Amino acid sequence: MGIGTPIGMYVAAKINKNHYDESSAVLLALTEVTNEIFTQTLKKSIRRNRPFRTLNNVNITDTSKVKGTYSFPSGHASGSFAIATSLTLRYPDKPVLIAGLYAYALTVSLGRIYWGVHYPSDVFTGMLVGAGSAALIYSIRKPIIKAKNNLFNQSERTDNYQGEVNTTAIFLSFAVSDLLNFYLTNSKSKILNHSNVNFNGNGKTNYVNYTFTF
């Protein structure tokens, strides 16, 4: 989501020649980078173990995705709230967009508690970190946009709102990113079945099935 959404917005803005949406995509990308720096710094400084490692009766079927990572704060919560807050600040008059963004962010955040990989305090802090990162970048948007325009020799551009934001493109970026994530995650699970393995050296073949999951 963090990669697909700003890219999708930027491409759509370029096609539609919408300078405001283009700048929004850049601010969103910077928000996510800032959020990731804060989140990872806190994780590696505090080093809180995840609930399924420290609490009884908390079981998850697949721990490979969180192996070697820490609990506080929730990166999923901070990332989803960074996206929602950044776009809300840029498009405050779009209730459908805002409702959809925060519904997604809340679903992701609460899901982390449900799956046993985060405490409520991890998620709540992640929400604050994500929203705070968005507010920080938004507060310095003018010099950022000016620097972007100067870099691409577009100093004549202004950050004036140009009408309708392409809400469909944003939600489509979400959907495509989610599908790609699902596909790439499942493509990593390759099952190799081997049979007819002679392992005792006595000339007799023992038929054993081995399953390797990556």
Protein backbone atom coordinates (compact mmCIF):
# COMPACT_ATOMS: atom_id res chain seq x y z
CA MET A 1 0.00 0.00 0.00
CA GLY A 2 2.73 2.41 0.97
CA ILE A 3 4.42 2.02 -2.39
CA GLY A 4 1.42 1.58 -4.65
CA THR A 5 -0.73 4.48 -3.43
CA PRO A 6 1.63 7.42 -4.04
CA ILE A 7 2.81 5.92 -7.34
CA GLY A 8 -0.77 5.40 -8.51
CA MET A 9 -1.69 8.94 -7.50
CA TYR A 10 1.34 10.43 -9.21
CA VAL A 11 0.73 8.58 -12.49
CA ALA A 12 -2.96 9.57 -12.50
CA ALA A 13 -2.02 13.20 -11.76
CA LYS A 14 0.47 13.24 -14.61
CA ILE A 15 -2.10 11.83 -17.03
CA ASN A 16 -4.71 14.38 -15.93
CA LYS A 17 -2.16 17.21 -15.68
CA ASN A 18 -3.30 17.90 -12.14
CA HIS A 19 -0.48 19.68 -10.33
CA TYR A 20 -2.19 19.62 -6.96
CA ASP A 21 -2.64 15.83 -6.99
CA GLU A 22 0.94 15.45 -8.17
CA SER A 23 2.19 17.42 -5.18
CA SER A 24 -0.14 15.43 -2.91
CA ALA A 25 1.48 12.21 -4.11
CA VAL A 26 4.95 13.59 -3.35
CA LEU A 27 3.87 14.72 0.12
CA LEU A 28 2.32 11.32 0.75
CA ALA A 29 5.55 9.55 -0.21
CA LEU A 30 7.58 11.82 2.10
CA THR A 31 5.04 11.24 4.87
CA GLU A 32 5.49 7.50 4.57
CA VAL A 33 9.27 7.74 4.60
CA THR A 34 9.14 9.96 7.70
CA ASN A 35 6.69 7.62 9.38
CA GLU A 36 8.88 4.60 8.64
CA ILE A 37 11.92 6.30 10.15
CA PHE A 38 10.05 7.15 13.37
CA THR A 39 8.41 3.73 13.59
CA GLN A 40 11.57 1.70 13.06
CA THR A 41 13.57 3.92 15.42
CA LEU A 42 11.02 3.29 18.18
CA LYS A 43 10.88 -0.44 17.45
CA LYS A 44 14.64 -0.89 17.66
CA SER A 45 14.97 1.37 20.70
CA ILE A 46 12.21 -0.19 22.82
CA ARG A 47 12.40 -3.79 21.54
CA ARG A 48 9.08 -4.95 22.90
CA ASN A 49 8.23 -8.59 22.24
CA ARG A 50 5.00 -9.40 20.48
CA PRO A 51 1.95 -10.71 22.42
CA PHE A 52 2.11 -14.25 21.03
CA ARG A 53 5.64 -14.55 22.46
CA THR A 54 4.91 -13.24 25.95
CA LEU A 55 1.25 -14.05 26.70
CA ASN A 56 -0.41 -17.39 27.24
CA ASN A 57 -3.17 -18.61 24.93
CA VAL A 58 -2.19 -16.27 22.10
CA ASN A 59 -1.48 -18.40 19.08
CA ILE A 60 -0.93 -17.57 15.44
CA THR A 61 -0.46 -20.07 12.65
CA ASP A 62 2.31 -18.28 10.76
CA THR A 63 5.06 -16.38 12.58
CA SER A 64 7.42 -16.10 9.61
CA LYS A 65 6.19 -12.64 8.62
CA VAL A 66 7.02 -11.15 12.02
CA LYS A 67 10.11 -13.20 12.79
CA GLY A 68 12.87 -11.09 14.31
CA THR A 69 10.70 -7.96 14.53
CA TYR A 70 9.39 -6.01 17.48
CA SER A 71 5.94 -5.00 18.62
CA PHE A 72 6.01 -1.33 19.63
CA PRO A 73 4.68 0.57 17.77
CA SER A 74 2.60 -1.10 15.08
CA GLY A 75 4.04 -0.38 11.65
CA HIS A 76 0.78 -1.38 9.96
CA ALA A 77 -1.18 1.08 12.10
CA SER A 78 1.30 3.90 11.62
CA GLY A 79 1.52 3.32 7.87
CA SER A 80 -2.23 3.17 7.29
CA PHE A 81 -2.89 6.25 9.43
CA ALA A 82 -0.07 8.12 7.71
CA ILE A 83 -1.82 7.58 4.38
CA ALA A 84 -5.28 8.43 5.72
CA THR A 85 -4.17 11.60 7.52
CA SER A 86 -1.96 12.87 4.71
CA LEU A 87 -4.74 12.64 2.13
CA THR A 88 -7.34 13.98 4.55
CA LEU A 89 -5.26 17.11 5.11
CA ARG A 90 -4.94 17.61 1.37
CA TYR A 91 -8.59 16.88 0.56
CA PRO A 92 -10.65 17.90 3.62
CA ASP A 93 -13.82 18.42 1.57
CA LYS A 94 -14.02 14.83 0.30
CA PRO A 95 -16.07 12.85 2.88
CA VAL A 96 -16.21 9.66 0.79
CA LEU A 97 -12.43 9.59 0.43
CA ILE A 98 -11.85 10.38 4.11
CA ALA A 99 -14.37 7.78 5.33
CA GLY A 100 -12.86 5.13 3.09
CA LEU A 101 -9.30 5.92 4.15
CA TYR A 102 -10.00 5.81 7.87
CA ALA A 103 -12.22 2.72 7.58
CA TYR A 104 -9.28 0.98 5.92
CA ALA A 105 -6.82 2.29 8.53
CA LEU A 106 -9.00 1.18 11.44
CA THR A 107 -9.56 -2.27 9.92
CA VAL A 108 -5.83 -2.77 9.44
CA SER A 109 -5.01 -1.51 12.94
CA LEU A 110 -7.61 -3.58 14.80
CA GLY A 111 -6.64 -6.60 12.73
CA ARG A 112 -3.14 -6.48 14.20
CA ILE A 113 -4.60 -6.95 17.69
CA TYR A 114 -6.94 -9.68 16.49
CA TRP A 115 -4.07 -11.67 14.99
CA GLY A 116 -2.08 -11.51 18.22
CA VAL A 117 0.91 -9.63 16.83
CA HIS A 118 0.32 -6.32 18.64
CA TYR A 119 -0.91 -4.94 21.94
CA PRO A 120 -3.57 -2.18 21.91
CA SER A 121 -0.91 0.29 23.05
CA ASP A 122 1.24 -0.65 20.02
CA VAL A 123 -1.63 0.13 17.69
CA PHE A 124 -2.65 3.35 19.44
CA THR A 125 0.92 4.64 19.38
CA GLY A 126 1.22 3.63 15.73
CA MET A 127 -1.87 5.70 14.95
CA LEU A 128 -0.30 8.73 16.63
CA VAL A 129 3.04 8.26 14.89
CA GLY A 130 1.38 7.93 11.47
CA ALA A 131 -0.93 10.90 11.95
CA GLY A 132 1.91 12.94 13.44
CA SER A 133 4.19 12.20 10.49
CA ALA A 134 1.48 13.35 8.10
CA ALA A 135 0.91 16.54 10.09
CA LEU A 136 4.65 17.26 10.18
CA ILE A 137 5.10 16.95 6.40
CA TYR A 138 1.90 18.91 5.78
CA SER A 139 3.17 21.75 7.99
CA ILE A 140 6.25 22.19 5.77
CA ARG A 141 4.50 21.46 2.47
CA LYS A 142 5.23 24.88 0.95
CA PRO A 143 9.06 24.62 0.91
CA ILE A 144 8.80 20.97 -0.14
CA ILE A 145 6.58 21.74 -3.12
CA LYS A 146 8.69 24.75 -4.04
CA ALA A 147 11.84 22.62 -4.00
CA LYS A 148 10.10 19.96 -6.14
CA ASN A 149 9.00 22.53 -8.70
CA ASN A 150 12.46 24.11 -8.86
CA LEU A 151 14.04 20.70 -9.29
CA PHE A 152 11.94 20.00 -12.39
CA ASN A 153 12.08 23.58 -13.71
CA GLN A 154 8.43 24.16 -12.92
CA SER A 155 8.77 27.19 -10.68
CA GLU A 156 5.68 28.79 -12.23
CA ARG A 157 3.42 26.15 -10.70
CA THR A 158 1.37 26.91 -7.61
CA ASP A 159 -0.21 24.60 -5.07
CA ASN A 160 -3.74 25.72 -5.80
CA TYR A 161 -6.50 23.17 -5.49
CA GLN A 162 -7.58 22.17 -8.99
CA GLY A 163 -10.97 20.65 -8.29
CA GLU A 164 -11.85 17.00 -8.12
CA VAL A 165 -9.33 14.58 -6.73
CA ASN A 166 -9.27 11.24 -8.52
CA THR A 167 -10.78 9.21 -5.69
CA THR A 168 -11.22 6.23 -8.00
CA ALA A 169 -7.51 6.21 -8.80
CA ILE A 170 -6.63 6.25 -5.09
CA PHE A 171 -8.92 3.37 -4.21
CA LEU A 172 -7.82 1.51 -7.35
CA SER A 173 -4.20 1.88 -6.19
CA PHE A 174 -5.27 0.35 -2.88
CA ALA A 175 -6.94 -2.59 -4.59
CA VAL A 176 -4.07 -3.26 -7.01
CA SER A 177 -1.50 -3.02 -4.21
CA ASP A 178 -3.51 -5.44 -2.09
CA LEU A 179 -3.81 -7.94 -4.93
CA LEU A 180 -0.09 -7.72 -5.71
CA ASN A 181 0.74 -8.18 -2.04
CA PHE A 182 -1.52 -11.25 -1.88
CA TYR A 183 -0.01 -12.73 -5.04
CA LEU A 184 3.61 -12.09 -4.07
CA THR A 185 3.08 -13.42 -0.55
CA ASN A 186 1.51 -16.64 -1.77
CA SER A 187 4.07 -17.10 -4.54
CA LYS A 188 6.73 -17.44 -1.85
CA SER A 189 5.04 -20.60 -0.56
CA LYS A 190 6.32 -23.25 -2.93
CA ILE A 191 5.76 -26.86 -2.05
CA LEU A 192 8.28 -29.37 -3.34
CA ASN A 193 7.33 -33.02 -3.00
CA HIS A 194 10.06 -35.61 -3.28
CA SER A 195 9.63 -39.37 -3.26
CA ASN A 196 11.63 -42.54 -3.88
CA VAL A 197 14.44 -41.53 -1.56
CA ASN A 198 16.97 -44.24 -0.66
CA PHE A 199 18.50 -43.24 2.64
CA ASN A 200 19.53 -46.46 4.41
CA GLY A 201 22.26 -47.64 2.01
CA ASN A 202 21.16 -51.28 2.02
CA GLY A 203 19.81 -51.36 -1.52
CA LYS A 204 16.22 -51.16 -0.34
CA THR A 205 14.27 -48.14 -1.45
CA ASN A 206 12.23 -46.40 1.23
CA TYR A 207 9.44 -44.22 -0.07
CA VAL A 208 9.34 -41.00 1.92
CA ASN A 209 7.51 -37.81 1.05
CA TYR A 210 9.20 -34.56 2.00
CA THR A 211 7.47 -31.20 1.94
CA PHE A 212 9.49 -28.00 1.91
CA THR A 213 7.68 -24.71 2.37
CA PHE A 214 9.45 -21.42 1.61
